N, C-alpha and C. Protein backbone atom coordinates (compact mmCIF):
# COMPACT_ATOMS: atom_id res chain seq x y z
N GLN A 1 -16.81 -39.18 7.54
CA GLN A 1 -16.48 -37.92 6.91
C GLN A 1 -15.18 -37.39 7.51
N VAL A 2 -14.29 -36.95 6.64
CA VAL A 2 -13.00 -36.45 7.10
C VAL A 2 -13.12 -34.97 7.44
N ARG A 3 -12.71 -34.63 8.63
CA ARG A 3 -12.63 -33.23 9.03
C ARG A 3 -11.29 -32.99 9.69
N LEU A 4 -10.75 -31.81 9.44
CA LEU A 4 -9.52 -31.37 10.08
C LEU A 4 -9.85 -30.11 10.87
N VAL A 5 -9.50 -30.11 12.14
CA VAL A 5 -9.82 -28.97 12.98
C VAL A 5 -8.54 -28.43 13.59
N GLU A 6 -8.23 -27.18 13.24
CA GLU A 6 -7.04 -26.53 13.78
C GLU A 6 -7.38 -25.81 15.08
N SER A 7 -6.38 -25.69 15.93
CA SER A 7 -6.54 -24.95 17.18
C SER A 7 -5.19 -24.41 17.60
N GLY A 8 -5.22 -23.48 18.56
CA GLY A 8 -3.98 -22.98 19.13
C GLY A 8 -3.57 -21.60 18.66
N GLY A 9 -4.29 -21.03 17.71
CA GLY A 9 -3.94 -19.70 17.26
C GLY A 9 -4.27 -18.65 18.31
N GLY A 10 -3.80 -17.45 18.06
CA GLY A 10 -4.08 -16.38 18.99
C GLY A 10 -3.18 -15.19 18.75
N LEU A 11 -3.22 -14.28 19.69
CA LEU A 11 -2.40 -13.06 19.63
C LEU A 11 -1.20 -13.22 20.55
N VAL A 12 -0.02 -13.07 19.98
CA VAL A 12 1.20 -13.16 20.76
C VAL A 12 2.11 -11.99 20.41
N GLN A 13 3.10 -11.77 21.25
CA GLN A 13 4.07 -10.73 20.97
C GLN A 13 5.27 -11.32 20.24
N ALA A 14 5.94 -10.47 19.52
CA ALA A 14 7.14 -10.91 18.80
C ALA A 14 8.13 -11.54 19.78
N GLY A 15 8.73 -12.65 19.35
CA GLY A 15 9.68 -13.36 20.18
C GLY A 15 9.08 -14.52 20.95
N GLU A 16 7.77 -14.54 21.07
CA GLU A 16 7.11 -15.61 21.81
C GLU A 16 6.90 -16.84 20.93
N SER A 17 6.43 -17.90 21.58
CA SER A 17 6.19 -19.17 20.90
C SER A 17 4.71 -19.53 20.92
N LEU A 18 4.35 -20.40 20.00
CA LEU A 18 2.97 -20.86 19.91
C LEU A 18 2.98 -22.24 19.29
N THR A 19 2.09 -23.09 19.76
CA THR A 19 1.96 -24.42 19.16
C THR A 19 0.56 -24.59 18.62
N LEU A 20 0.49 -24.88 17.34
CA LEU A 20 -0.79 -25.15 16.71
C LEU A 20 -1.03 -26.66 16.66
N ALA A 21 -2.29 -27.04 16.73
CA ALA A 21 -2.66 -28.44 16.61
C ALA A 21 -3.71 -28.61 15.53
N CYS A 22 -3.66 -29.74 14.88
CA CYS A 22 -4.66 -30.10 13.88
C CYS A 22 -5.12 -31.51 14.20
N GLU A 23 -6.40 -31.64 14.50
CA GLU A 23 -6.94 -32.95 14.84
C GLU A 23 -7.83 -33.44 13.71
N ALA A 24 -7.61 -34.69 13.32
CA ALA A 24 -8.41 -35.30 12.26
C ALA A 24 -9.49 -36.18 12.88
N THR A 25 -10.59 -36.30 12.16
CA THR A 25 -11.69 -37.14 12.64
C THR A 25 -11.53 -38.59 12.22
N VAL A 26 -10.43 -38.87 11.54
CA VAL A 26 -10.12 -40.24 11.14
C VAL A 26 -8.68 -40.56 11.52
N ASP A 27 -8.30 -41.80 11.40
CA ASP A 27 -6.95 -42.23 11.68
C ASP A 27 -6.00 -41.53 10.70
N ILE A 28 -5.02 -40.78 11.23
CA ILE A 28 -4.15 -40.03 10.32
C ILE A 28 -3.22 -40.95 9.52
N ALA A 29 -3.15 -42.21 9.89
CA ALA A 29 -2.39 -43.15 9.08
C ALA A 29 -3.02 -43.32 7.70
N THR A 30 -4.26 -42.85 7.59
CA THR A 30 -4.97 -42.88 6.31
C THR A 30 -4.30 -41.98 5.27
N PHE A 31 -3.62 -40.94 5.76
CA PHE A 31 -3.10 -39.92 4.86
C PHE A 31 -1.65 -40.20 4.46
N ASN A 32 -1.35 -39.91 3.22
CA ASN A 32 0.02 -40.05 2.74
C ASN A 32 0.92 -38.96 3.32
N VAL A 33 0.35 -37.77 3.41
CA VAL A 33 1.10 -36.64 3.94
C VAL A 33 0.15 -35.65 4.57
N MET A 34 0.60 -35.02 5.64
CA MET A 34 -0.14 -33.92 6.27
C MET A 34 0.78 -32.72 6.34
N SER A 35 0.18 -31.55 6.29
CA SER A 35 1.02 -30.36 6.21
C SER A 35 0.34 -29.15 6.82
N TRP A 36 1.15 -28.16 7.06
CA TRP A 36 0.68 -26.85 7.51
C TRP A 36 0.95 -25.85 6.39
N HIS A 37 -0.01 -24.98 6.19
CA HIS A 37 0.10 -23.91 5.22
C HIS A 37 -0.34 -22.63 5.92
N ARG A 38 0.02 -21.51 5.34
CA ARG A 38 -0.44 -20.25 5.92
C ARG A 38 -0.75 -19.25 4.82
N GLN A 39 -1.63 -18.34 5.15
CA GLN A 39 -1.97 -17.27 4.22
C GLN A 39 -2.01 -15.95 4.97
N ALA A 40 -1.05 -15.12 4.64
CA ALA A 40 -0.98 -13.80 5.25
C ALA A 40 -1.92 -12.85 4.50
N PRO A 41 -2.32 -11.77 5.15
CA PRO A 41 -3.22 -10.81 4.50
C PRO A 41 -2.65 -10.32 3.17
N GLY A 42 -3.44 -10.42 2.11
CA GLY A 42 -3.01 -9.93 0.81
C GLY A 42 -2.02 -10.80 0.09
N LYS A 43 -1.73 -11.97 0.64
CA LYS A 43 -0.73 -12.85 0.00
C LYS A 43 -1.34 -14.21 -0.32
N GLU A 44 -0.64 -14.95 -1.16
CA GLU A 44 -1.10 -16.28 -1.51
C GLU A 44 -0.78 -17.27 -0.38
N ARG A 45 -1.52 -18.34 -0.37
CA ARG A 45 -1.27 -19.38 0.62
C ARG A 45 0.05 -20.06 0.30
N GLU A 46 0.83 -20.36 1.34
CA GLU A 46 2.12 -21.01 1.13
C GLU A 46 2.26 -22.19 2.09
N MET A 47 3.02 -23.15 1.63
CA MET A 47 3.29 -24.32 2.46
C MET A 47 4.34 -23.97 3.51
N VAL A 48 4.09 -24.40 4.73
CA VAL A 48 5.01 -24.14 5.84
C VAL A 48 5.87 -25.37 6.13
N ALA A 49 5.20 -26.51 6.30
CA ALA A 49 5.92 -27.74 6.61
C ALA A 49 5.01 -28.93 6.36
N TYR A 50 5.63 -30.08 6.08
CA TYR A 50 4.83 -31.28 5.90
C TYR A 50 5.48 -32.47 6.60
N ILE A 51 4.66 -33.48 6.85
CA ILE A 51 5.14 -34.71 7.47
C ILE A 51 4.45 -35.87 6.77
N THR A 52 5.21 -36.86 6.38
CA THR A 52 4.65 -37.99 5.65
C THR A 52 4.18 -39.08 6.60
N SER A 53 3.49 -40.06 6.04
CA SER A 53 3.03 -41.16 6.86
C SER A 53 4.19 -41.93 7.48
N GLY A 54 5.34 -41.87 6.80
CA GLY A 54 6.51 -42.55 7.33
C GLY A 54 7.30 -41.71 8.30
N GLY A 55 6.88 -40.47 8.50
CA GLY A 55 7.53 -39.61 9.48
C GLY A 55 8.56 -38.66 8.92
N SER A 56 8.78 -38.69 7.61
CA SER A 56 9.71 -37.74 7.01
C SER A 56 9.11 -36.34 7.06
N ILE A 57 9.98 -35.38 7.33
CA ILE A 57 9.50 -34.01 7.43
C ILE A 57 10.33 -33.09 6.54
N ASN A 58 9.72 -32.01 6.17
CA ASN A 58 10.40 -30.98 5.41
C ASN A 58 9.55 -29.72 5.48
N GLY A 59 10.11 -28.62 5.07
CA GLY A 59 9.36 -27.39 5.13
C GLY A 59 10.03 -26.26 4.40
N LYS A 60 9.39 -25.12 4.52
CA LYS A 60 9.90 -23.90 3.88
C LYS A 60 11.27 -23.57 4.49
N ASN A 61 12.25 -23.42 3.64
CA ASN A 61 13.62 -23.27 4.11
C ASN A 61 13.79 -22.13 5.11
N THR A 62 13.14 -21.01 4.83
CA THR A 62 13.34 -19.85 5.69
C THR A 62 12.70 -20.01 7.06
N LEU A 63 11.89 -21.06 7.24
CA LEU A 63 11.21 -21.26 8.52
C LEU A 63 11.79 -22.43 9.31
N LYS A 64 12.65 -23.21 8.69
CA LYS A 64 13.11 -24.44 9.31
C LYS A 64 13.75 -24.23 10.67
N GLY A 65 14.39 -23.14 10.89
CA GLY A 65 15.05 -22.92 12.16
C GLY A 65 14.09 -22.55 13.28
N ARG A 66 12.87 -22.14 12.93
CA ARG A 66 11.94 -21.67 13.95
C ARG A 66 10.67 -22.53 14.06
N PHE A 67 10.28 -23.16 12.98
CA PHE A 67 9.03 -23.93 12.96
C PHE A 67 9.34 -25.42 12.87
N THR A 68 8.62 -26.22 13.66
CA THR A 68 8.81 -27.67 13.65
C THR A 68 7.46 -28.37 13.59
N ILE A 69 7.35 -29.28 12.66
CA ILE A 69 6.12 -30.07 12.54
C ILE A 69 6.33 -31.43 13.21
N SER A 70 5.26 -31.93 13.81
CA SER A 70 5.32 -33.26 14.44
C SER A 70 3.93 -33.86 14.42
N LYS A 71 3.85 -35.13 14.81
CA LYS A 71 2.54 -35.76 14.84
C LYS A 71 2.42 -36.70 16.03
N ASP A 72 1.19 -36.94 16.42
CA ASP A 72 0.86 -37.89 17.47
C ASP A 72 -0.21 -38.80 16.88
N THR A 73 0.19 -39.96 16.42
CA THR A 73 -0.75 -40.84 15.74
C THR A 73 -1.83 -41.36 16.69
N ALA A 74 -1.50 -41.49 17.95
CA ALA A 74 -2.48 -41.98 18.91
C ALA A 74 -3.64 -41.00 19.08
N LYS A 75 -3.32 -39.69 18.91
CA LYS A 75 -4.34 -38.66 19.07
C LYS A 75 -4.87 -38.17 17.73
N ASN A 76 -4.35 -38.73 16.65
CA ASN A 76 -4.75 -38.29 15.31
C ASN A 76 -4.52 -36.79 15.13
N ARG A 77 -3.36 -36.35 15.57
CA ARG A 77 -3.06 -34.93 15.51
C ARG A 77 -1.70 -34.68 14.88
N ILE A 78 -1.57 -33.54 14.24
CA ILE A 78 -0.26 -33.01 13.93
C ILE A 78 -0.13 -31.67 14.61
N TYR A 79 1.12 -31.25 14.79
CA TYR A 79 1.39 -30.01 15.50
C TYR A 79 2.35 -29.14 14.69
N LEU A 80 2.31 -27.86 14.99
CA LEU A 80 3.31 -26.95 14.45
C LEU A 80 3.81 -26.11 15.61
N GLN A 81 5.04 -26.38 16.01
CA GLN A 81 5.68 -25.59 17.06
C GLN A 81 6.34 -24.40 16.39
N MET A 82 5.96 -23.21 16.81
CA MET A 82 6.50 -21.99 16.22
C MET A 82 7.22 -21.18 17.29
N ASN A 83 8.49 -20.96 17.09
CA ASN A 83 9.30 -20.22 18.05
C ASN A 83 9.76 -18.89 17.46
N SER A 84 10.15 -18.00 18.34
CA SER A 84 10.69 -16.70 17.93
C SER A 84 9.81 -16.05 16.87
N LEU A 85 8.56 -15.96 17.16
CA LEU A 85 7.61 -15.44 16.18
C LEU A 85 7.89 -13.97 15.88
N ILE A 86 7.67 -13.61 14.65
CA ILE A 86 7.84 -12.23 14.18
C ILE A 86 6.54 -11.77 13.54
N PRO A 87 6.34 -10.46 13.42
CA PRO A 87 5.08 -9.95 12.85
C PRO A 87 4.77 -10.53 11.48
N GLU A 88 5.80 -10.84 10.71
CA GLU A 88 5.59 -11.41 9.37
C GLU A 88 5.00 -12.81 9.41
N ASP A 89 4.95 -13.42 10.57
CA ASP A 89 4.31 -14.74 10.71
C ASP A 89 2.80 -14.63 10.87
N THR A 90 2.31 -13.42 10.98
CA THR A 90 0.88 -13.21 11.09
C THR A 90 0.17 -13.76 9.86
N ALA A 91 -0.79 -14.65 10.10
CA ALA A 91 -1.47 -15.32 9.00
C ALA A 91 -2.55 -16.24 9.56
N VAL A 92 -3.38 -16.73 8.66
CA VAL A 92 -4.25 -17.84 9.00
C VAL A 92 -3.49 -19.11 8.64
N TYR A 93 -3.42 -20.02 9.60
CA TYR A 93 -2.67 -21.26 9.41
C TYR A 93 -3.67 -22.40 9.17
N TYR A 94 -3.42 -23.14 8.09
CA TYR A 94 -4.31 -24.20 7.68
C TYR A 94 -3.62 -25.56 7.75
N CYS A 95 -4.40 -26.54 8.09
CA CYS A 95 -3.95 -27.93 8.07
C CYS A 95 -4.45 -28.59 6.79
N ASN A 96 -3.61 -29.42 6.20
CA ASN A 96 -3.97 -30.13 4.98
C ASN A 96 -3.61 -31.59 5.12
N ALA A 97 -4.43 -32.43 4.54
CA ALA A 97 -4.15 -33.87 4.53
C ALA A 97 -4.45 -34.43 3.16
N LYS A 98 -3.54 -35.26 2.69
CA LYS A 98 -3.71 -35.85 1.36
C LYS A 98 -3.79 -37.37 1.46
N ALA A 99 -4.81 -37.90 0.82
CA ALA A 99 -4.95 -39.34 0.65
C ALA A 99 -5.40 -39.50 -0.79
N SER A 100 -4.40 -39.65 -1.66
CA SER A 100 -4.67 -39.63 -3.09
C SER A 100 -5.90 -40.45 -3.47
N PRO A 101 -6.80 -39.87 -4.29
CA PRO A 101 -6.73 -38.57 -4.91
C PRO A 101 -7.41 -37.45 -4.13
N TYR A 102 -7.65 -37.67 -2.86
CA TYR A 102 -8.39 -36.70 -2.06
C TYR A 102 -7.44 -35.75 -1.34
N ASP A 103 -7.97 -34.54 -1.14
CA ASP A 103 -7.22 -33.45 -0.55
C ASP A 103 -8.14 -32.74 0.43
N TYR A 104 -7.76 -32.70 1.70
CA TYR A 104 -8.63 -32.13 2.73
C TYR A 104 -7.98 -30.93 3.38
N TRP A 105 -8.82 -29.95 3.71
CA TRP A 105 -8.35 -28.73 4.37
C TRP A 105 -9.18 -28.45 5.61
N GLY A 106 -8.51 -27.92 6.61
CA GLY A 106 -9.22 -27.39 7.76
C GLY A 106 -9.65 -25.97 7.46
N LYS A 107 -10.36 -25.37 8.42
CA LYS A 107 -10.86 -24.00 8.23
C LYS A 107 -9.85 -22.95 8.65
N GLY A 108 -8.80 -23.37 9.32
CA GLY A 108 -7.74 -22.45 9.68
C GLY A 108 -7.84 -21.90 11.09
N THR A 109 -6.69 -21.45 11.58
CA THR A 109 -6.62 -20.79 12.87
C THR A 109 -5.75 -19.55 12.70
N LEU A 110 -6.19 -18.45 13.27
CA LEU A 110 -5.52 -17.16 13.06
C LEU A 110 -4.41 -16.94 14.08
N VAL A 111 -3.27 -16.58 13.58
CA VAL A 111 -2.13 -16.22 14.42
C VAL A 111 -1.78 -14.76 14.13
N ILE A 112 -1.75 -13.97 15.17
CA ILE A 112 -1.37 -12.56 15.05
C ILE A 112 -0.17 -12.31 15.94
N VAL A 113 0.88 -11.80 15.34
CA VAL A 113 2.10 -11.50 16.10
C VAL A 113 2.28 -10.00 16.12
N SER A 114 2.23 -9.44 17.32
CA SER A 114 2.38 -8.00 17.45
C SER A 114 3.84 -7.64 17.72
N SER A 115 4.22 -6.46 17.27
CA SER A 115 5.62 -6.03 17.42
C SER A 115 5.83 -5.29 18.72
C-alpha cells in the first residue's frame, strides 16, 4: 500500500527557514513525478514544486527563489527547503506522487509563519 507521510511543519517567524520531508512507503522510483502543493486558509490548493523520476525540477515561478525541491532515493523521501518565509506562506503543505494512472496524496503538514 502506498502512503506518503509529510513532516517538518511548524510555527516559525518571518524570515526563518524550514525543511519539509515526505517519506513514501514504497520505492520512489516507482513514481513518474513527485511534488509539493499547499493550501492556504480560504484558498485553493496550488502546486509549489515538482521533481521527476529523472531529476528534473520546476515550480511556481514566484517561489523559485525561496523554495527548493530535492529527493533522496535511498531514503524514499523528497524535501522542500523553504527560505525567507513570509506570513503568506502559511498553509498546509501536501506531498503528491504520480504513477500513471494513480495519484497519491499525503495528509499534509501545517506551516504557520508569524509576522
